[in-house]
Amino acid sequence: MEAYRRNAPMYVDEEAERATRWDAFLAQKRDDNGNDDDARDGARTLDALVRVLDARAARGSGDDALEESDEERELRALVAGGVPMALRGRCWQIFARVKERRRDGVFRELLVAAGETVSAATETNDRRDEGDGDEEDAVERALASLVDATCEAAADDGSRTAAPNHGCADPTFRRVRKQIDKDLPRTFPGHPLLDGIGRDALRRVLCAYALHNPAVGYCQGMNFLAALLLLLMEEEAAFWCLAAVAEDVLPGYYEDDMLASAADQRVLATFVREKFPRVHDAFETSGAPLSAVTTSWFLALYVNQLPWETALRVWDVMLFERRRTVLFQVALALVDANAKTLLDAAATDRVVEAAVAMAPAAFDGSALMAIATSGHADVTWERVTSEYEKAERETREETRANRARVAARAETARAEAARAEAARAEAGGGPIGGTGPNATDAAERDADPSGSEL
């Protein structure tokens, strides 16, 4: 807390500077469009973001900056410098293409299926969808939702029903729901917007997503992603934005085998070995790979690891790009900025402890993002995907080998138990305690492929 207080003046100055830059950009777009409306209508000029993203989507993927329009380069620079807090929730929805993802009534249906209470904000959205069919400006809708969410979180007006019945009969969902309930109190505990109504909204979003995407269901860490989104937008928008993150930015990360997450850690290890060979060797010598620290960075998208202001800057770029390139760049920037500390700590066998301390100390988000996006600009999406193909193949092969070893050990344990039982019976004794199915538990504990050393 003291560190936040020390850095507060820097945050205030930076927020004012970026607000000025964004205002100038939006005012220019308003002039370019011949829009002389009152400044209060300026939110509509965020449509420029939609135009830029549409143009990029039409152009196709790629890192070739020569293909970018001047408008896209200008917007990319603005995003790299941070999105103003007043615009962040609306911009993130545009970046994540929430309007295109959203299907009328689906969120409400999922809440009903989960036995959850449908919030007043969701009912309002549904009534809007059933209206006269006029196309509503995406930014105005998001702004109204943001205001509604803030007002609802400030006080409970008693309009909610007492307790949801959680009536979904699916046993898998009941297990998921139980885990969600356990994690709710651990999610930003004490935050005023995530107590009471805010916590209810978090539960609804997570339960709805678990039903929406049963291949993922719920994975610990997703609670922090959803909570961050709920602090910036209303719950249905947060739901669709969470879907964009889990399915577009981190596909496969939260599935049972977590193969995509393990493969990305191999990719990161490759980059660290290339750029910081001594640091890489220090971790190898310690017996604990860097992934022991960095896996949680990626799974939680740096939420709850980096300071709040810095984590938001990472999300700005990640959602704008709709790629996870920046996750690698930020990890490398953290290693870059702390390389000497890590090597010094390795001399006293404390390299992992030093690595754990890197992210929480990164209060200067501007400095970190400059190192990440400029100092490690050679880590492109093309490079990441190229390395990922190799890493995924190796991870699958390692997973198959691990499973084969586990199966062999389990079979050996069963055979030994059978022989011991036969010998006991032959000698006229009773059954041997501790044999049978449970004799293979130790071997089967190794079956989790995400536990393999990267």
Protein backbone atom coordinates (compact mmCIF):
# COMPACT_ATOMS: atom_id res chain seq x y z
CA MET A 1 0.00 0.00 0.00
CA GLU A 2 2.84 2.37 0.83
CA ALA A 3 4.38 1.72 -2.59
CA TYR A 4 1.06 2.64 -4.24
CA ARG A 5 0.96 5.88 -2.28
CA ARG A 6 4.48 6.75 -3.34
CA ASN A 7 3.61 6.16 -7.00
CA ALA A 8 0.18 7.82 -6.92
CA PRO A 9 1.42 11.21 -8.21
CA MET A 10 3.03 9.47 -11.21
CA TYR A 11 -0.22 7.65 -11.95
CA VAL A 12 -2.23 10.88 -11.77
CA ASP A 13 0.14 12.72 -14.11
CA GLU A 14 0.20 9.85 -16.61
CA GLU A 15 -3.58 9.57 -16.59
CA ALA A 16 -3.94 13.28 -17.34
CA GLU A 17 -1.40 13.08 -20.17
CA ARG A 18 -3.03 10.08 -21.83
CA ALA A 19 -6.49 11.63 -21.47
CA THR A 20 -5.21 14.70 -23.32
CA ARG A 21 -3.72 12.57 -26.12
CA TRP A 22 -6.88 10.51 -26.53
CA ASP A 23 -9.11 13.61 -26.46
CA ALA A 24 -7.04 15.12 -29.25
CA PHE A 25 -7.25 11.92 -31.28
CA LEU A 26 -11.01 11.63 -30.82
CA ALA A 27 -11.54 15.31 -31.56
CA GLN A 28 -9.59 14.91 -34.80
CA LYS A 29 -11.74 11.96 -35.81
CA ARG A 30 -14.83 13.99 -34.97
CA ASP A 31 -13.59 16.75 -37.28
CA ASP A 32 -12.64 14.27 -40.00
CA ASN A 33 -16.16 12.91 -39.92
CA GLY A 34 -17.66 16.37 -40.13
CA ASN A 35 -19.26 15.94 -36.73
CA ASP A 36 -19.84 19.28 -35.08
CA ASP A 37 -22.05 17.88 -32.34
CA ASP A 38 -21.63 18.93 -28.77
CA ALA A 39 -18.60 17.44 -27.02
CA ARG A 40 -20.92 15.32 -24.92
CA ASP A 41 -21.56 13.35 -28.10
CA GLY A 42 -17.85 12.70 -28.40
CA ALA A 43 -18.22 9.10 -27.25
CA ARG A 44 -19.51 8.33 -30.73
CA THR A 45 -16.08 9.08 -32.15
CA LEU A 46 -14.87 5.84 -30.60
CA ASP A 47 -16.42 4.40 -33.75
CA ALA A 48 -13.00 5.25 -35.21
CA LEU A 49 -11.66 2.31 -33.19
CA VAL A 50 -14.21 0.05 -34.81
CA ARG A 51 -13.21 1.26 -38.28
CA VAL A 52 -9.54 0.62 -37.57
CA LEU A 53 -10.19 -2.85 -36.21
CA ASP A 54 -12.50 -3.67 -39.12
CA ALA A 55 -9.78 -2.63 -41.56
CA ARG A 56 -7.20 -4.73 -39.75
CA ALA A 57 -9.51 -7.76 -39.74
CA ALA A 58 -10.14 -7.35 -43.46
CA ARG A 59 -6.39 -7.09 -44.11
CA GLY A 60 -5.73 -10.33 -42.26
CA SER A 61 -3.26 -11.22 -39.53
CA GLY A 62 0.40 -10.37 -39.57
CA ASP A 63 3.07 -8.29 -37.93
CA ASP A 64 4.09 -6.34 -41.01
CA ALA A 65 3.81 -2.72 -39.87
CA LEU A 66 4.14 -1.54 -43.48
CA GLU A 67 0.62 -2.76 -44.06
CA GLU A 68 -0.82 -0.59 -41.31
CA SER A 69 -2.69 2.58 -42.11
CA ASP A 70 -1.60 5.84 -40.52
CA GLU A 71 -4.77 5.72 -38.43
CA GLU A 72 -3.94 2.26 -37.11
CA ARG A 73 -0.36 3.22 -36.28
CA GLU A 74 -1.63 6.27 -34.39
CA LEU A 75 -4.17 4.20 -32.48
CA ARG A 76 -1.62 1.48 -31.73
CA ALA A 77 0.72 4.09 -30.23
CA LEU A 78 -2.11 5.47 -28.12
CA VAL A 79 -2.99 2.01 -26.80
CA ALA A 80 0.67 1.26 -26.04
CA GLY A 81 0.71 4.43 -23.94
CA GLY A 82 -2.37 3.29 -22.06
CA VAL A 83 -6.11 3.76 -22.44
CA PRO A 84 -7.62 6.45 -20.16
CA MET A 85 -9.58 4.94 -17.29
CA ALA A 86 -12.73 6.78 -18.35
CA LEU A 87 -12.63 5.04 -21.74
CA ARG A 88 -11.07 1.72 -20.78
CA GLY A 89 -14.21 -0.34 -20.26
CA ARG A 90 -15.74 0.87 -23.52
CA CYS A 91 -12.53 0.44 -25.48
CA TRP A 92 -11.96 -3.08 -24.18
CA GLN A 93 -15.42 -4.09 -25.36
CA ILE A 94 -14.67 -2.72 -28.81
CA PHE A 95 -11.26 -4.38 -28.91
CA ALA A 96 -12.77 -7.72 -27.84
CA ARG A 97 -15.59 -7.37 -30.40
CA VAL A 98 -18.21 -7.84 -27.72
CA LYS A 99 -20.97 -6.49 -29.98
CA GLU A 100 -20.17 -9.06 -32.68
CA ARG A 101 -19.90 -11.91 -30.14
CA ARG A 102 -23.04 -11.11 -28.23
CA ARG A 103 -26.10 -13.20 -29.04
CA ASP A 104 -29.40 -11.83 -27.85
CA GLY A 105 -30.85 -13.61 -24.85
CA VAL A 106 -28.03 -16.17 -24.50
CA PHE A 107 -26.61 -14.75 -21.28
CA ARG A 108 -30.05 -14.66 -19.70
CA GLU A 109 -30.76 -18.25 -20.76
CA LEU A 110 -27.47 -19.41 -19.25
CA LEU A 111 -28.28 -17.69 -15.95
CA VAL A 112 -31.67 -19.38 -15.84
CA ALA A 113 -30.07 -22.75 -16.63
CA ALA A 114 -27.60 -22.20 -13.80
CA GLY A 115 -30.41 -21.35 -11.39
CA GLU A 116 -29.08 -17.83 -11.02
CA THR A 117 -31.09 -14.66 -10.53
CA VAL A 118 -31.23 -12.51 -13.67
CA SER A 119 -30.04 -9.03 -12.78
CA ALA A 120 -31.98 -5.88 -13.57
CA ALA A 121 -29.24 -4.78 -15.98
CA THR A 122 -29.56 -8.02 -17.98
CA GLU A 123 -33.35 -7.68 -18.11
CA THR A 124 -32.91 -4.13 -19.40
CA ASN A 125 -30.55 -5.32 -22.13
CA ASP A 126 -33.03 -8.02 -23.16
CA ARG A 127 -35.88 -5.52 -23.37
CA ARG A 128 -33.66 -3.30 -25.51
CA ASP A 129 -32.96 -6.24 -27.81
CA GLU A 130 -36.67 -6.86 -28.21
CA GLY A 131 -37.38 -3.21 -29.10
CA ASP A 132 -37.83 -1.56 -32.45
CA GLY A 133 -34.68 -3.07 -33.91
CA ASP A 134 -32.80 0.21 -34.45
CA GLU A 135 -29.03 -0.25 -34.41
CA GLU A 136 -27.71 1.23 -31.18
CA ASP A 137 -24.28 2.72 -30.96
CA ALA A 138 -21.97 0.22 -29.26
CA VAL A 139 -20.19 2.87 -27.24
CA GLU A 140 -23.40 4.43 -25.90
CA ARG A 141 -24.63 1.01 -24.79
CA ALA A 142 -21.35 0.29 -23.03
CA LEU A 143 -21.35 3.70 -21.35
CA ALA A 144 -24.89 3.18 -20.06
CA SER A 145 -23.97 -0.28 -18.82
CA LEU A 146 -20.88 1.03 -17.06
CA VAL A 147 -22.92 3.68 -15.25
CA ASP A 148 -25.59 1.12 -14.34
CA ALA A 149 -23.01 -1.31 -12.98
CA THR A 150 -21.36 1.39 -10.88
CA CYS A 151 -24.67 2.51 -9.42
CA GLU A 152 -25.77 -1.04 -8.67
CA ALA A 153 -22.49 -1.84 -6.94
CA ALA A 154 -22.73 1.27 -4.77
CA ALA A 155 -25.91 0.17 -2.99
CA ASP A 156 -28.33 -2.72 -2.88
CA ASP A 157 -31.82 -1.34 -3.43
CA GLY A 158 -33.45 -4.58 -2.25
CA SER A 159 -34.80 -5.42 -5.70
CA ARG A 160 -32.91 -8.71 -5.90
CA THR A 161 -34.41 -11.96 -4.79
CA ALA A 162 -33.06 -13.53 -1.63
CA ALA A 163 -30.90 -16.44 -2.81
CA PRO A 164 -30.58 -18.19 -6.17
CA ASN A 165 -31.64 -21.81 -6.25
CA HIS A 166 -28.74 -22.97 -8.45
CA GLY A 167 -31.06 -25.49 -10.02
CA CYS A 168 -28.81 -26.98 -12.70
CA ALA A 169 -28.98 -30.74 -12.19
CA ASP A 170 -25.78 -31.58 -14.05
CA PRO A 171 -23.33 -33.09 -11.51
CA THR A 172 -20.33 -31.67 -13.38
CA PHE A 173 -21.78 -28.18 -13.13
CA ARG A 174 -22.51 -28.68 -9.43
CA ARG A 175 -18.83 -29.47 -8.86
CA VAL A 176 -17.84 -26.41 -10.89
CA ARG A 177 -20.27 -24.25 -8.95
CA LYS A 178 -18.85 -25.51 -5.66
CA GLN A 179 -15.35 -24.45 -6.73
CA ILE A 180 -16.62 -21.06 -7.89
CA ASP A 181 -18.27 -20.52 -4.49
CA LYS A 182 -14.97 -21.32 -2.78
CA ASP A 183 -13.06 -18.83 -4.92
CA LEU A 184 -15.48 -15.90 -4.68
CA PRO A 185 -14.32 -14.68 -1.23
CA ARG A 186 -10.69 -14.97 -2.36
CA THR A 187 -11.21 -12.64 -5.32
CA PHE A 188 -9.94 -9.14 -4.51
CA PRO A 189 -11.17 -9.49 -0.90
CA GLY A 190 -12.31 -6.22 0.60
CA HIS A 191 -12.81 -4.46 -2.72
CA PRO A 192 -15.99 -2.39 -2.28
CA LEU A 193 -17.27 -3.11 -5.79
CA LEU A 194 -16.88 -6.88 -5.36
CA ASP A 195 -18.76 -7.27 -2.11
CA GLY A 196 -22.49 -7.95 -2.03
CA ILE A 197 -23.97 -7.25 -5.46
CA GLY A 198 -20.55 -7.29 -7.10
CA ARG A 199 -19.83 -10.77 -5.78
CA ASP A 200 -23.22 -11.94 -7.02
CA ALA A 201 -22.40 -10.57 -10.47
CA LEU A 202 -19.04 -12.38 -10.43
CA ARG A 203 -20.74 -15.67 -9.56
CA ARG A 204 -23.29 -15.19 -12.34
CA VAL A 205 -20.63 -14.47 -14.96
CA LEU A 206 -18.51 -17.48 -13.98
CA CYS A 207 -21.45 -19.86 -13.75
CA ALA A 208 -22.83 -18.68 -17.09
CA TYR A 209 -19.47 -19.16 -18.76
CA ALA A 210 -19.06 -22.64 -17.26
CA LEU A 211 -22.30 -23.65 -18.97
CA HIS A 212 -21.53 -21.71 -22.14
CA ASN A 213 -18.20 -23.48 -22.68
CA PRO A 214 -18.25 -26.86 -20.90
CA ALA A 215 -14.91 -27.81 -22.48
CA VAL A 216 -13.41 -25.14 -20.23
CA GLY A 217 -15.99 -24.93 -17.47
CA TYR A 218 -14.19 -23.10 -14.71
CA CYS A 219 -10.50 -22.96 -13.91
CA GLN A 220 -9.00 -21.24 -10.88
CA GLY A 221 -7.66 -17.89 -12.02
CA MET A 222 -10.65 -17.15 -14.22
CA ASN A 223 -12.28 -15.51 -11.20
CA PHE A 224 -9.67 -12.74 -11.29
CA LEU A 225 -10.15 -12.21 -15.03
CA ALA A 226 -13.91 -11.91 -14.66
CA ALA A 227 -13.58 -9.68 -11.59
CA LEU A 228 -11.28 -7.27 -13.40
CA LEU A 229 -13.76 -7.03 -16.27
CA LEU A 230 -16.66 -6.43 -13.87
CA LEU A 231 -14.83 -3.47 -12.40
CA LEU A 232 -14.93 -1.84 -15.83
CA MET A 233 -18.21 -2.95 -17.42
CA GLU A 234 -21.61 -4.48 -16.69
CA GLU A 235 -21.91 -8.21 -16.23
CA GLU A 236 -23.19 -9.31 -19.64
CA ALA A 237 -20.43 -7.38 -21.39
CA ALA A 238 -17.95 -8.90 -18.92
CA PHE A 239 -19.28 -12.36 -19.80
CA TRP A 240 -18.73 -11.88 -23.54
CA CYS A 241 -15.36 -10.22 -22.95
CA LEU A 242 -14.30 -13.19 -20.79
CA ALA A 243 -15.32 -15.46 -23.66
CA ALA A 244 -13.11 -13.45 -26.02
CA VAL A 245 -10.14 -13.74 -23.65
CA ALA A 246 -10.54 -17.47 -22.99
CA GLU A 247 -11.31 -18.43 -26.59
CA ASP A 248 -9.43 -15.91 -28.74
CA VAL A 249 -6.43 -14.80 -26.67
CA LEU A 250 -5.82 -17.97 -24.64
CA PRO A 251 -7.39 -20.83 -26.61
CA GLY A 252 -6.86 -24.15 -24.85
CA TYR A 253 -5.38 -22.57 -21.72
CA TYR A 254 -8.19 -23.55 -19.39
CA GLU A 255 -9.02 -26.99 -20.75
CA ASP A 256 -8.36 -30.05 -18.61
CA ASP A 257 -4.95 -30.96 -20.04
CA MET A 258 -3.76 -27.30 -20.08
CA LEU A 259 -1.54 -28.30 -22.97
CA ALA A 260 -1.61 -24.81 -24.53
CA SER A 261 -0.40 -23.26 -21.28
CA ALA A 262 2.46 -25.78 -20.98
CA ALA A 263 3.44 -25.22 -24.63
CA ASP A 264 3.56 -21.44 -24.13
CA GLN A 265 5.90 -21.91 -21.19
CA ARG A 266 8.22 -23.87 -23.47
CA VAL A 267 8.09 -20.97 -25.92
CA LEU A 268 8.93 -18.49 -23.17
CA ALA A 269 11.82 -20.69 -22.02
CA THR A 270 13.17 -20.63 -25.59
CA PHE A 271 13.09 -16.82 -25.64
CA VAL A 272 14.74 -16.54 -22.21
CA ARG A 273 17.44 -19.01 -23.23
CA GLU A 274 18.18 -16.94 -26.36
CA LYS A 275 18.12 -13.51 -24.73
CA PHE A 276 19.27 -14.23 -21.17
CA PRO A 277 21.25 -17.49 -21.25
CA ARG A 278 22.83 -16.96 -17.83
CA VAL A 279 19.43 -16.38 -16.22
CA HIS A 280 18.05 -19.47 -17.95
CA ASP A 281 21.00 -21.54 -16.73
CA ALA A 282 20.54 -20.22 -13.20
CA PHE A 283 17.00 -21.55 -13.10
CA GLU A 284 18.04 -24.88 -14.57
CA THR A 285 20.79 -25.19 -11.96
CA SER A 286 18.33 -24.34 -9.17
CA GLY A 287 16.18 -27.33 -10.14
CA ALA A 288 13.10 -25.11 -10.53
CA PRO A 289 12.30 -23.96 -14.06
CA LEU A 290 11.24 -20.36 -14.67
CA SER A 291 7.79 -21.72 -15.56
CA ALA A 292 7.26 -22.42 -11.85
CA VAL A 293 6.85 -18.65 -11.56
CA THR A 294 5.66 -17.54 -14.99
CA THR A 295 2.84 -20.04 -15.53
CA SER A 296 0.63 -18.13 -13.10
CA TRP A 297 1.53 -14.85 -14.87
CA PHE A 298 0.08 -16.15 -18.10
CA LEU A 299 -2.91 -18.01 -16.65
CA ALA A 300 -4.10 -14.92 -14.75
CA LEU A 301 -2.91 -12.47 -17.43
CA TYR A 302 -0.79 -10.76 -14.76
CA VAL A 303 -3.84 -9.88 -12.66
CA ASN A 304 -2.94 -10.22 -8.98
CA GLN A 305 0.75 -10.39 -9.91
CA LEU A 306 1.54 -7.00 -11.41
CA PRO A 307 0.42 -3.82 -9.63
CA TRP A 308 -3.06 -2.75 -10.72
CA GLU A 309 -2.02 0.13 -13.01
CA THR A 310 0.62 -1.97 -14.74
CA ALA A 311 -1.70 -4.95 -15.25
CA LEU A 312 -4.27 -2.69 -16.90
CA ARG A 313 -1.61 -1.52 -19.36
CA VAL A 314 -0.88 -5.13 -20.32
CA TRP A 315 -4.58 -5.77 -20.88
CA ASP A 316 -4.90 -2.64 -23.04
CA VAL A 317 -2.37 -4.01 -25.52
CA MET A 318 -3.48 -7.63 -25.25
CA LEU A 319 -7.13 -6.88 -26.05
CA PHE A 320 -6.23 -4.42 -28.80
CA GLU A 321 -4.03 -7.03 -30.48
CA ARG A 322 -6.31 -9.93 -29.48
CA ARG A 323 -3.11 -11.95 -29.23
CA ARG A 324 -0.93 -13.04 -26.35
CA THR A 325 2.32 -11.71 -27.82
CA VAL A 326 2.47 -9.02 -25.16
CA LEU A 327 2.41 -11.67 -22.41
CA PHE A 328 5.77 -12.96 -23.63
CA GLN A 329 7.12 -9.44 -24.11
CA VAL A 330 6.17 -8.42 -20.58
CA ALA A 331 7.69 -11.60 -19.09
CA LEU A 332 10.92 -10.89 -20.96
CA ALA A 333 10.83 -7.26 -19.83
CA LEU A 334 10.54 -8.37 -16.21
CA VAL A 335 13.52 -10.70 -16.62
CA ASP A 336 15.40 -7.96 -18.49
CA ALA A 337 14.82 -5.38 -15.76
CA ASN A 338 15.77 -7.83 -13.01
CA ALA A 339 18.51 -9.90 -14.65
CA LYS A 340 21.26 -8.77 -12.27
CA THR A 341 19.05 -9.33 -9.23
CA LEU A 342 18.21 -12.83 -10.43
CA LEU A 343 21.85 -13.74 -11.01
CA ASP A 344 22.88 -12.38 -7.62
CA ALA A 345 20.06 -14.35 -5.99
CA ALA A 346 21.13 -17.50 -7.81
CA ALA A 347 24.47 -17.32 -6.03
CA THR A 348 22.64 -17.84 -2.73
CA ASP A 349 20.06 -20.34 -4.06
CA ARG A 350 17.27 -17.76 -3.92
CA VAL A 351 16.61 -17.26 -7.63
CA VAL A 352 12.99 -18.47 -7.46
CA GLU A 353 12.28 -16.18 -4.53
CA ALA A 354 13.72 -13.26 -6.49
CA ALA A 355 11.66 -14.18 -9.55
CA VAL A 356 8.44 -14.25 -7.54
CA ALA A 357 9.17 -10.71 -6.33
CA MET A 358 9.70 -9.26 -9.83
CA ALA A 359 6.10 -8.68 -10.93
CA PRO A 360 4.69 -7.16 -7.71
CA ALA A 361 7.47 -4.56 -7.74
CA ALA A 362 6.79 -3.33 -11.31
CA PHE A 363 4.95 -0.14 -10.35
CA ASP A 364 6.23 1.87 -13.31
CA GLY A 365 3.98 0.47 -16.01
CA SER A 366 5.24 2.90 -18.63
CA ALA A 367 8.85 1.81 -18.15
CA LEU A 368 7.93 -1.88 -18.20
CA MET A 369 5.75 -1.57 -21.31
CA ALA A 370 8.48 0.40 -23.10
CA ILE A 371 10.96 -2.41 -22.45
CA ALA A 372 8.34 -4.99 -23.44
CA THR A 373 7.02 -3.51 -26.68
CA SER A 374 10.19 -1.73 -27.87
CA GLY A 375 13.06 -3.63 -26.27
CA HIS A 376 11.51 -6.98 -27.20
CA ALA A 377 9.70 -6.00 -30.37
CA ASP A 378 11.52 -8.86 -32.11
CA VAL A 379 9.17 -11.22 -30.26
CA THR A 380 6.43 -11.03 -32.87
CA TRP A 381 3.23 -13.01 -33.25
CA GLU A 382 4.77 -14.87 -36.20
CA ARG A 383 7.72 -15.86 -34.01
CA VAL A 384 5.44 -16.93 -31.16
CA THR A 385 3.25 -19.10 -33.40
CA SER A 386 6.28 -20.65 -35.09
CA GLU A 387 7.84 -21.60 -31.76
CA TYR A 388 4.46 -22.70 -30.43
CA GLU A 389 3.99 -25.31 -33.15
CA LYS A 390 7.23 -26.97 -32.12
CA ALA A 391 6.51 -26.59 -28.40
CA GLU A 392 3.01 -28.03 -28.71
CA ARG A 393 4.36 -31.06 -30.56
CA GLU A 394 7.01 -31.63 -27.90
CA THR A 395 4.48 -31.17 -25.11
CA ARG A 396 2.11 -33.72 -26.66
CA GLU A 397 4.95 -36.21 -27.06
CA GLU A 398 6.04 -35.68 -23.48
CA THR A 399 2.46 -36.06 -22.29
CA ARG A 400 2.09 -39.37 -24.13
CA ALA A 401 5.41 -40.59 -22.70
CA ASN A 402 4.38 -39.57 -19.18
CA ARG A 403 1.07 -41.39 -19.52
CA ALA A 404 2.82 -44.50 -20.82
CA ARG A 405 5.21 -44.44 -17.85
CA VAL A 406 2.31 -43.96 -15.44
CA ALA A 407 0.39 -46.84 -17.04
CA ALA A 408 3.48 -49.06 -16.84
CA ARG A 409 4.05 -48.22 -13.17
CA ALA A 410 0.39 -48.81 -12.39
CA GLU A 411 0.50 -52.19 -14.13
CA THR A 412 3.67 -53.11 -12.26
CA ALA A 413 2.06 -52.13 -8.95
CA ARG A 414 -1.02 -54.20 -9.74
CA ALA A 415 1.11 -57.22 -10.69
CA GLU A 416 3.20 -56.93 -7.52
CA ALA A 417 0.04 -56.60 -5.41
CA ALA A 418 -1.44 -59.68 -7.08
CA ARG A 419 1.74 -61.69 -6.49
CA ALA A 420 1.87 -60.63 -2.86
CA GLU A 421 -1.78 -61.52 -2.39
CA ALA A 422 -1.25 -64.93 -3.98
CA ALA A 423 1.76 -65.58 -1.77
CA ARG A 424 -0.22 -64.60 1.30
CA ALA A 425 -3.12 -66.84 0.32
CA GLU A 426 -0.73 -69.72 -0.35
CA ALA A 427 0.72 -69.31 3.11
CA GLY A 428 -2.79 -69.43 4.55
CA GLY A 429 -2.94 -65.80 5.65
CA GLY A 430 -5.61 -63.18 4.96
CA PRO A 431 -5.56 -60.35 2.45
CA ILE A 432 -2.73 -57.92 2.64
CA GLY A 433 -3.80 -54.47 3.70
CA GLY A 434 -2.97 -51.59 1.41
CA THR A 435 -3.17 -53.60 -1.82
CA GLY A 436 -5.74 -53.37 -4.54
CA PRO A 437 -6.77 -50.30 -6.55
CA ASN A 438 -5.27 -47.80 -4.12
CA ALA A 439 -1.83 -49.37 -4.51
CA THR A 440 -1.44 -47.51 -7.78
CA ASP A 441 -2.42 -44.07 -6.47
CA ALA A 442 1.16 -42.85 -6.23
CA ALA A 443 1.81 -43.72 -9.85
CA GLU A 444 -1.46 -42.24 -11.07
CA ARG A 445 -0.73 -38.92 -9.41
CA ASP A 446 1.89 -38.37 -12.11
CA ALA A 447 -0.70 -38.58 -14.89
CA ASP A 448 -1.31 -34.81 -14.96
CA PRO A 449 0.52 -33.61 -18.09
CA SER A 450 0.63 -30.02 -16.84
CA GLY A 451 2.96 -31.17 -14.08
CA SER A 452 5.80 -32.06 -16.44
CA GLU A 453 8.97 -30.01 -16.17
CA LEU A 454 9.30 -27.52 -19.01
